[in-house]
Amino acid sequence: MEGYIHSFESFGTVDGPGIRFVVFLQGCPLRCRYCHNPDTWLPGGTAYSAEQVCERALKYKSYFGDNGGVTASGGEPLLQTDFLIELFTLLKARGVHTAADTSGWTFDPEDPASVEKHRKLIGVTDLVLLDIKHIDTEAHRALTGRGNEHTLAFAKFLSDNGIPMWIRHVLVPGITDDDGALKRLRAFIDTLSSVEKVEVLPYHTMGAVKYEKLGYEYSLKGVEPPAKERVENAKRILGAGRREN
């Protein structure tokens, strides 16, 4: 089976525990206004077999060792779930820690085939980095072009199956930093039993130049990164950091 890959990062330090070999898969169903990888949105990329990606990752095993591993990111890696199942199966057979950085949007709890496919995936996934972009469905739609129902359902699915997850929330001034919404997000997180960590990721503008190169409009032009006190406020409300389950 072939997967379509945007790029690789051989020394990732913010994509899960330890040092990670990061595989950025091509394609995404969301159009997050703050996305810093808009070049991963559309189909394309370079075709690789799961074996080729696995062997490429294993070349760096001396760097990530037993404390790190391989993270699939994107784009939205779960758009290529069948490929990911095959890749993670190969990596697990070689003792490599696997993580998926995802919005969970591909999970449809009403579709038995979707549930079964995602069940197979979590069977070979050690950690899910779940990006909850906004707790309110309509605000999520305004931010990404889609509602958040599948994301929240996937979080519950992971929790019900005891799959470790880190919850990630990008803090954008005036969009995702409202105290009321943060408190509702915290209340939802508190219903989940397998959350190991909550991360607040301050919005940044480093990807803005890509929009210009691609001919896309950057709709957050003029929005500055959040002030330190707003980041600390969000961390306090969400209980950011390691959690006791």
C-alpha atoms as a PDB file:
ATOM      1  CA  MET A   1       0.000   0.000   0.000  1.00  0.00           C
ATOM      2  CA  GLU A   2       1.198   3.512  -0.800  1.00  0.00           C
ATOM      3  CA  GLY A   3       0.723   6.662   1.197  1.00  0.00           C
ATOM      4  CA  TYR A   4       1.119  10.200  -0.051  1.00  0.00           C
ATOM      5  CA  ILE A   5       3.697  12.086   1.958  1.00  0.00           C
ATOM      6  CA  HIS A   6       4.302  15.821   2.105  1.00  0.00           C
ATOM      7  CA  SER A   7       7.603  15.713   4.007  1.00  0.00           C
ATOM      8  CA  PHE A   8       9.603  14.191   6.855  1.00  0.00           C
ATOM      9  CA  GLU A   9      11.215  15.663   9.958  1.00  0.00           C
ATOM     10  CA  SER A  10      13.996  13.618  11.481  1.00  0.00           C
ATOM     11  CA  PHE A  11      14.365  15.382  14.842  1.00  0.00           C
ATOM     12  CA  GLY A  12      10.928  16.477  16.071  1.00  0.00           C
ATOM     13  CA  THR A  13      10.736  17.593  19.701  1.00  0.00           C
ATOM     14  CA  VAL A  14       7.146  18.895  19.970  1.00  0.00           C
ATOM     15  CA  ASP A  15       5.187  16.002  18.438  1.00  0.00           C
ATOM     16  CA  GLY A  16       4.925  13.580  21.330  1.00  0.00           C
ATOM     17  CA  PRO A  17       7.290  12.210  23.976  1.00  0.00           C
ATOM     18  CA  GLY A  18      11.024  12.256  23.389  1.00  0.00           C
ATOM     19  CA  ILE A  19      12.606  12.826  20.008  1.00  0.00           C
ATOM     20  CA  ARG A  20      10.298  11.941  17.111  1.00  0.00           C
ATOM     21  CA  PHE A  21      10.648  11.050  13.461  1.00  0.00           C
ATOM     22  CA  VAL A  22       7.659  12.929  12.027  1.00  0.00           C
ATOM     23  CA  VAL A  23       5.833  11.897   8.857  1.00  0.00           C
ATOM     24  CA  PHE A  24       3.697  14.689   7.385  1.00  0.00           C
ATOM     25  CA  LEU A  25       0.969  13.150   5.253  1.00  0.00           C
ATOM     26  CA  GLN A  26      -0.680  15.042   2.415  1.00  0.00           C
ATOM     27  CA  GLY A  27      -4.320  16.125   2.419  1.00  0.00           C
ATOM     28  CA  CYS A  28      -6.726  17.637   4.934  1.00  0.00           C
ATOM     29  CA  PRO A  29     -10.530  18.066   5.084  1.00  0.00           C
ATOM     30  CA  LEU A  30     -10.286  21.155   7.316  1.00  0.00           C
ATOM     31  CA  ARG A  31      -9.277  24.680   6.409  1.00  0.00           C
ATOM     32  CA  CYS A  32      -8.133  26.042   9.752  1.00  0.00           C
ATOM     33  CA  ARG A  33      -7.661  29.785   9.513  1.00  0.00           C
ATOM     34  CA  TYR A  34      -4.421  29.592  11.502  1.00  0.00           C
ATOM     35  CA  CYS A  35      -2.978  26.546   9.720  1.00  0.00           C
ATOM     36  CA  HIS A  36       0.767  26.865   9.228  1.00  0.00           C
ATOM     37  CA  ASN A  37       0.902  24.013   6.694  1.00  0.00           C
ATOM     38  CA  PRO A  38      -1.627  25.058   3.999  1.00  0.00           C
ATOM     39  CA  ASP A  39       0.620  23.346   1.458  1.00  0.00           C
ATOM     40  CA  THR A  40      -0.616  20.016   2.893  1.00  0.00           C
ATOM     41  CA  TRP A  41      -4.311  20.713   2.231  1.00  0.00           C
ATOM     42  CA  LEU A  42      -4.730  19.460  -1.319  1.00  0.00           C
ATOM     43  CA  PRO A  43      -4.075  15.934  -2.649  1.00  0.00           C
ATOM     44  CA  GLY A  44      -0.621  15.300  -3.997  1.00  0.00           C
ATOM     45  CA  GLY A  45       2.629  14.598  -2.229  1.00  0.00           C
ATOM     46  CA  THR A  46       5.120  11.838  -2.977  1.00  0.00           C
ATOM     47  CA  ALA A  47       4.043   8.192  -2.968  1.00  0.00           C
ATOM     48  CA  TYR A  48       5.835   5.877  -0.538  1.00  0.00           C
ATOM     49  CA  SER A  49       5.073   2.351   0.555  1.00  0.00           C
ATOM     50  CA  ALA A  50       4.622   1.709   4.263  1.00  0.00           C
ATOM     51  CA  GLU A  51       7.801  -0.380   4.176  1.00  0.00           C
ATOM     52  CA  GLN A  52       9.769   2.508   2.667  1.00  0.00           C
ATOM     53  CA  VAL A  53       8.593   4.946   5.354  1.00  0.00           C
ATOM     54  CA  CYS A  54       9.267   2.422   8.105  1.00  0.00           C
ATOM     55  CA  GLU A  55      12.803   1.767   6.907  1.00  0.00           C
ATOM     56  CA  ARG A  56      13.442   5.486   6.570  1.00  0.00           C
ATOM     57  CA  ALA A  57      12.284   6.063  10.148  1.00  0.00           C
ATOM     58  CA  LEU A  58      14.391   3.207  11.500  1.00  0.00           C
ATOM     59  CA  LYS A  59      17.537   4.904  10.206  1.00  0.00           C
ATOM     60  CA  TYR A  60      16.991   7.451  12.985  1.00  0.00           C
ATOM     61  CA  LYS A  61      16.208   4.991  15.774  1.00  0.00           C
ATOM     62  CA  SER A  62      19.556   5.698  17.402  1.00  0.00           C
ATOM     63  CA  TYR A  63      18.338   9.286  17.884  1.00  0.00           C
ATOM     64  CA  PHE A  64      14.829   8.659  19.192  1.00  0.00           C
ATOM     65  CA  GLY A  65      15.674   5.401  20.989  1.00  0.00           C
ATOM     66  CA  ASP A  66      13.261   3.999  23.565  1.00  0.00           C
ATOM     67  CA  ASN A  67      11.977   7.383  24.755  1.00  0.00           C
ATOM     68  CA  GLY A  68      10.862   8.740  21.383  1.00  0.00           C
ATOM     69  CA  GLY A  69       9.315   7.248  18.286  1.00  0.00           C
ATOM     70  CA  VAL A  70       7.398   8.053  15.124  1.00  0.00           C
ATOM     71  CA  THR A  71       4.557  10.566  14.817  1.00  0.00           C
ATOM     72  CA  ALA A  72       2.195  10.793  11.841  1.00  0.00           C
ATOM     73  CA  SER A  73       1.057  14.359  11.258  1.00  0.00           C
ATOM     74  CA  GLY A  74      -0.129  16.431   8.327  1.00  0.00           C
ATOM     75  CA  GLY A  75      -2.341  17.655   6.931  1.00  0.00           C
ATOM     76  CA  GLU A  76      -4.704  15.124   8.435  1.00  0.00           C
ATOM     77  CA  PRO A  77      -2.972  11.744   8.669  1.00  0.00           C
ATOM     78  CA  LEU A  78      -6.189   9.829   9.302  1.00  0.00           C
ATOM     79  CA  LEU A  79      -7.354  10.619   5.766  1.00  0.00           C
ATOM     80  CA  GLN A  80      -4.947   7.797   4.910  1.00  0.00           C
ATOM     81  CA  THR A  81      -5.996   5.465   7.701  1.00  0.00           C
ATOM     82  CA  ASP A  82      -5.367   2.204   5.829  1.00  0.00           C
ATOM     83  CA  PHE A  83      -1.811   3.281   5.048  1.00  0.00           C
ATOM     84  CA  LEU A  84      -1.316   4.402   8.633  1.00  0.00           C
ATOM     85  CA  ILE A  85      -2.518   1.049   9.991  1.00  0.00           C
ATOM     86  CA  GLU A  86       0.031  -0.728   7.817  1.00  0.00           C
ATOM     87  CA  LEU A  87       2.851   1.685   8.744  1.00  0.00           C
ATOM     88  CA  PHE A  88       2.143   1.580  12.478  1.00  0.00           C
ATOM     89  CA  THR A  89       1.865  -2.221  12.387  1.00  0.00           C
ATOM     90  CA  LEU A  90       5.355  -2.406  10.888  1.00  0.00           C
ATOM     91  CA  LEU A  91       6.748   0.065  13.408  1.00  0.00           C
ATOM     92  CA  LYS A  92       5.159  -1.677  16.395  1.00  0.00           C
ATOM     93  CA  ALA A  93       6.659  -4.984  15.233  1.00  0.00           C
ATOM     94  CA  ARG A  94      10.054  -3.279  15.520  1.00  0.00           C
ATOM     95  CA  GLY A  95       9.366  -1.902  18.985  1.00  0.00           C
ATOM     96  CA  VAL A  96       8.812   1.715  17.902  1.00  0.00           C
ATOM     97  CA  HIS A  97       6.407   4.010  19.798  1.00  0.00           C
ATOM     98  CA  THR A  98       3.690   5.323  17.471  1.00  0.00           C
ATOM     99  CA  ALA A  99       1.691   8.546  17.721  1.00  0.00           C
ATOM    100  CA  ALA A 100      -0.922  10.213  15.516  1.00  0.00           C
ATOM    101  CA  ASP A 101      -1.374  13.995  15.487  1.00  0.00           C
ATOM    102  CA  THR A 102      -4.967  14.443  14.357  1.00  0.00           C
ATOM    103  CA  SER A 103      -8.208  16.394  14.572  1.00  0.00           C
ATOM    104  CA  GLY A 104     -10.106  13.101  14.617  1.00  0.00           C
ATOM    105  CA  TRP A 105     -12.436  14.507  11.995  1.00  0.00           C
ATOM    106  CA  THR A 106     -12.386  11.304   9.902  1.00  0.00           C
ATOM    107  CA  PHE A 107     -14.119   9.310  12.669  1.00  0.00           C
ATOM    108  CA  ASP A 108     -17.841   8.788  12.102  1.00  0.00           C
ATOM    109  CA  PRO A 109     -19.507   7.090  15.100  1.00  0.00           C
ATOM    110  CA  GLU A 110     -22.638   6.382  13.009  1.00  0.00           C
ATOM    111  CA  ASP A 111     -20.717   4.430  10.352  1.00  0.00           C
ATOM    112  CA  PRO A 112     -19.748   0.885  11.437  1.00  0.00           C
ATOM    113  CA  ALA A 113     -17.041   0.702   8.771  1.00  0.00           C
ATOM    114  CA  SER A 114     -15.478   3.931  10.057  1.00  0.00           C
ATOM    115  CA  VAL A 115     -15.626   2.723  13.648  1.00  0.00           C
ATOM    116  CA  GLU A 116     -14.001  -0.607  12.735  1.00  0.00           C
ATOM    117  CA  LYS A 117     -11.256   1.060  10.688  1.00  0.00           C
ATOM    118  CA  HIS A 118     -10.406   3.454  13.496  1.00  0.00           C
ATOM    119  CA  ARG A 119     -10.518   0.574  15.983  1.00  0.00           C
ATOM    120  CA  LYS A 120      -7.841  -1.176  13.934  1.00  0.00           C
ATOM    121  CA  LEU A 121      -5.770   2.000  13.910  1.00  0.00           C
ATOM    122  CA  ILE A 122      -5.857   2.559  17.658  1.00  0.00           C
ATOM    123  CA  GLY A 123      -4.822  -1.062  18.096  1.00  0.00           C
ATOM    124  CA  VAL A 124      -1.377  -0.113  16.775  1.00  0.00           C
ATOM    125  CA  THR A 125      -1.275   3.471  18.103  1.00  0.00           C
ATOM    126  CA  ASP A 126       0.424   4.223  21.422  1.00  0.00           C
ATOM    127  CA  LEU A 127      -0.627   7.864  21.672  1.00  0.00           C
ATOM    128  CA  VAL A 128      -3.047  10.256  19.998  1.00  0.00           C
ATOM    129  CA  LEU A 129      -2.304  13.983  19.942  1.00  0.00           C
ATOM    130  CA  LEU A 130      -5.876  15.234  19.568  1.00  0.00           C
ATOM    131  CA  ASP A 131      -6.353  18.807  18.385  1.00  0.00           C
ATOM    132  CA  ILE A 132      -9.623  20.208  19.732  1.00  0.00           C
ATOM    133  CA  LYS A 133      -9.814  23.494  17.904  1.00  0.00           C
ATOM    134  CA  HIS A 134     -12.984  24.838  19.544  1.00  0.00           C
ATOM    135  CA  ILE A 135     -15.552  23.302  21.873  1.00  0.00           C
ATOM    136  CA  ASP A 136     -18.507  25.097  20.227  1.00  0.00           C
ATOM    137  CA  THR A 137     -19.649  23.524  16.980  1.00  0.00           C
ATOM    138  CA  GLU A 138     -20.540  26.709  15.115  1.00  0.00           C
ATOM    139  CA  ALA A 139     -17.385  28.494  16.253  1.00  0.00           C
ATOM    140  CA  HIS A 140     -15.436  25.431  15.111  1.00  0.00           C
ATOM    141  CA  ARG A 141     -17.179  25.629  11.736  1.00  0.00           C
ATOM    142  CA  ALA A 142     -16.301  29.314  11.374  1.00  0.00           C
ATOM    143  CA  LEU A 143     -12.675  28.517  12.222  1.00  0.00           C
ATOM    144  CA  THR A 144     -12.177  25.356  10.148  1.00  0.00           C
ATOM    145  CA  GLY A 145     -15.083  25.057   7.707  1.00  0.00           C
ATOM    146  CA  ARG A 146     -16.452  21.981   9.534  1.00  0.00           C
ATOM    147  CA  GLY A 147     -18.253  21.231  12.777  1.00  0.00           C
ATOM    148  CA  ASN A 148     -16.548  19.510  15.703  1.00  0.00           C
ATOM    149  CA  GLU A 149     -18.947  16.590  16.234  1.00  0.00           C
ATOM    150  CA  HIS A 150     -16.564  13.964  14.852  1.00  0.00           C
ATOM    151  CA  THR A 151     -13.629  15.325  16.849  1.00  0.00           C
ATOM    152  CA  LEU A 152     -15.513  15.128  20.137  1.00  0.00           C
ATOM    153  CA  ALA A 153     -16.862  11.679  19.273  1.00  0.00           C
ATOM    154  CA  PHE A 154     -13.325  10.492  18.534  1.00  0.00           C
ATOM    155  CA  ALA A 155     -12.141  11.810  21.897  1.00  0.00           C
ATOM    156  CA  LYS A 156     -14.843   9.748  23.624  1.00  0.00           C
ATOM    157  CA  PHE A 157     -13.957   6.727  21.476  1.00  0.00           C
ATOM    158  CA  LEU A 158     -10.314   6.985  22.543  1.00  0.00           C
ATOM    159  CA  SER A 159     -11.322   7.400  26.174  1.00  0.00           C
ATOM    160  CA  ASP A 160     -13.717   4.448  26.093  1.00  0.00           C
ATOM    161  CA  ASN A 161     -10.948   2.275  24.645  1.00  0.00           C
ATOM    162  CA  GLY A 162      -8.265   3.453  27.068  1.00  0.00           C
ATOM    163  CA  ILE A 163      -6.030   4.989  24.390  1.00  0.00           C
ATOM    164  CA  PRO A 164      -3.641   7.591  25.841  1.00  0.00           C
ATOM    165  CA  MET A 165      -4.136  11.060  24.417  1.00  0.00           C
ATOM    166  CA  TRP A 166      -2.735  14.523  24.691  1.00  0.00           C
ATOM    167  CA  ILE A 167      -5.309  17.241  24.119  1.00  0.00           C
ATOM    168  CA  ARG A 168      -4.006  20.214  22.142  1.00  0.00           C
ATOM    169  CA  HIS A 169      -5.690  23.605  21.835  1.00  0.00           C
ATOM    170  CA  VAL A 170      -4.341  26.424  19.677  1.00  0.00           C
ATOM    171  CA  LEU A 171      -4.938  29.763  21.392  1.00  0.00           C
ATOM    172  CA  VAL A 172      -5.937  32.480  18.912  1.00  0.00           C
ATOM    173  CA  PRO A 173      -6.794  35.938  20.312  1.00  0.00           C
ATOM    174  CA  GLY A 174     -10.465  36.762  19.837  1.00  0.00           C
ATOM    175  CA  ILE A 175     -11.271  33.334  18.404  1.00  0.00           C
ATOM    176  CA  THR A 176     -10.300  30.477  20.730  1.00  0.00           C
ATOM    177  CA  ASP A 177      -9.324  32.285  23.936  1.00  0.00           C
ATOM    178  CA  ASP A 178     -12.770  33.134  25.369  1.00  0.00           C
ATOM    179  CA  ASP A 179     -12.881  32.145  29.028  1.00  0.00           C
ATOM    180  CA  GLY A 180     -16.368  30.700  28.752  1.00  0.00           C
ATOM    181  CA  ALA A 181     -15.405  28.458  25.840  1.00  0.00           C
ATOM    182  CA  LEU A 182     -12.215  27.406  27.610  1.00  0.00           C
ATOM    183  CA  LYS A 183     -14.222  26.417  30.690  1.00  0.00           C
ATOM    184  CA  ARG A 184     -16.608  24.365  28.543  1.00  0.00           C
ATOM    185  CA  LEU A 185     -13.622  22.688  26.908  1.00  0.00           C
ATOM    186  CA  ARG A 186     -12.183  21.916  30.346  1.00  0.00           C
ATOM    187  CA  ALA A 187     -15.511  20.401  31.395  1.00  0.00           C
ATOM    188  CA  PHE A 188     -15.450  18.149  28.328  1.00  0.00           C
ATOM    189  CA  ILE A 189     -11.825  17.116  28.914  1.00  0.00           C
ATOM    190  CA  ASP A 190     -12.755  16.184  32.473  1.00  0.00           C
ATOM    191  CA  THR A 191     -15.206  13.584  31.117  1.00  0.00           C
ATOM    192  CA  LEU A 192     -12.352  11.727  29.385  1.00  0.00           C
ATOM    193  CA  SER A 193     -10.475   9.026  31.271  1.00  0.00           C
ATOM    194  CA  SER A 194      -7.289   8.591  29.211  1.00  0.00           C
ATOM    195  CA  VAL A 195      -5.990  12.158  28.861  1.00  0.00           C
ATOM    196  CA  GLU A 196      -2.345  12.214  29.904  1.00  0.00           C
ATOM    197  CA  LYS A 197      -1.590  15.828  29.092  1.00  0.00           C
ATOM    198  CA  VAL A 198      -3.214  19.081  27.976  1.00  0.00           C
ATOM    199  CA  GLU A 199      -1.212  21.500  25.826  1.00  0.00           C
ATOM    200  CA  VAL A 200      -2.002  25.135  25.037  1.00  0.00           C
ATOM    201  CA  LEU A 201      -0.303  26.113  21.779  1.00  0.00           C
ATOM    202  CA  PRO A 202      -0.038  29.892  21.264  1.00  0.00           C
ATOM    203  CA  TYR A 203      -1.061  31.028  17.788  1.00  0.00           C
ATOM    204  CA  HIS A 204       1.831  32.243  15.640  1.00  0.00           C
ATOM    205  CA  THR A 205       2.182  33.799  12.200  1.00  0.00           C
ATOM    206  CA  MET A 206       5.133  31.777  10.890  1.00  0.00           C
ATOM    207  CA  GLY A 207       3.009  30.108   8.233  1.00  0.00           C
ATOM    208  CA  ALA A 208       1.536  33.331   6.830  1.00  0.00           C
ATOM    209  CA  VAL A 209       4.177  33.603   4.096  1.00  0.00           C
ATOM    210  CA  LYS A 210       3.075  30.241   2.672  1.00  0.00           C
ATOM    211  CA  TYR A 211      -0.398  31.628   1.936  1.00  0.00           C
ATOM    212  CA  GLU A 212       1.076  34.368  -0.211  1.00  0.00           C
ATOM    213  CA  LYS A 213       3.240  31.891  -2.112  1.00  0.00           C
ATOM    214  CA  LEU A 214       0.230  29.634  -2.724  1.00  0.00           C
ATOM    215  CA  GLY A 215      -2.027  32.514  -3.732  1.00  0.00           C
ATOM    216  CA  TYR A 216      -4.338  31.989  -0.738  1.00  0.00           C
ATOM    217  CA  GLU A 217      -5.843  34.739   1.370  1.00  0.00           C
ATOM    218  CA  TYR A 218      -4.594  34.744   4.953  1.00  0.00           C
ATOM    219  CA  SER A 219      -7.740  35.623   6.876  1.00  0.00           C
ATOM    220  CA  LEU A 220      -5.979  36.227  10.196  1.00  0.00           C
ATOM    221  CA  LYS A 221      -3.751  38.962   8.825  1.00  0.00           C
ATOM    222  CA  GLY A 222      -3.182  41.505  11.584  1.00  0.00           C
ATOM    223  CA  VAL A 223      -3.946  39.070  14.419  1.00  0.00           C
ATOM    224  CA  GLU A 224      -1.002  39.015  16.791  1.00  0.00           C
ATOM    225  CA  PRO A 225       0.106  36.069  18.949  1.00  0.00           C
ATOM    226  CA  PRO A 226      -1.594  35.961  22.363  1.00  0.00           C
ATOM    227  CA  ALA A 227      -0.121  37.868  25.269  1.00  0.00           C
ATOM    228  CA  LYS A 228       1.711  35.790  27.853  1.00  0.00           C
ATOM    229  CA  GLU A 229      -0.977  36.412  30.468  1.00  0.00           C
ATOM    230  CA  ARG A 230      -3.693  35.087  28.130  1.00  0.00           C
ATOM    231  CA  VAL A 231      -1.650  31.944  27.503  1.00  0.00           C
ATOM    232  CA  GLU A 232      -1.185  31.433  31.236  1.00  0.00           C
ATOM    233  CA  ASN A 233      -4.901  32.076  31.780  1.00  0.00           C
ATOM    234  CA  ALA A 234      -5.795  29.377  29.234  1.00  0.00           C
ATOM    235  CA  LYS A 235      -3.328  26.949  30.786  1.00  0.00           C
ATOM    236  CA  ARG A 236      -4.838  27.553  34.202  1.00  0.00           C
ATOM    237  CA  ILE A 237      -8.430  27.040  33.008  1.00  0.00           C
ATOM    238  CA  LEU A 238      -7.624  23.937  30.956  1.00  0.00           C
ATOM    239  CA  GLY A 239      -5.384  22.427  33.594  1.00  0.00           C
ATOM    240  CA  ALA A 240      -2.513  22.294  31.129  1.00  0.00           C
ATOM    241  CA  GLY A 241       0.365  19.936  31.768  1.00  0.00           C
ATOM    242  CA  ARG A 242       0.441  16.334  32.944  1.00  0.00           C
ATOM    243  CA  ARG A 243      -2.782  15.012  34.399  1.00  0.00           C
ATOM    244  CA  GLU A 244      -3.575  12.328  36.954  1.00  0.00           C
ATOM    245  CA  ASN A 245      -6.180   9.826  35.749  1.00  0.00           C
END
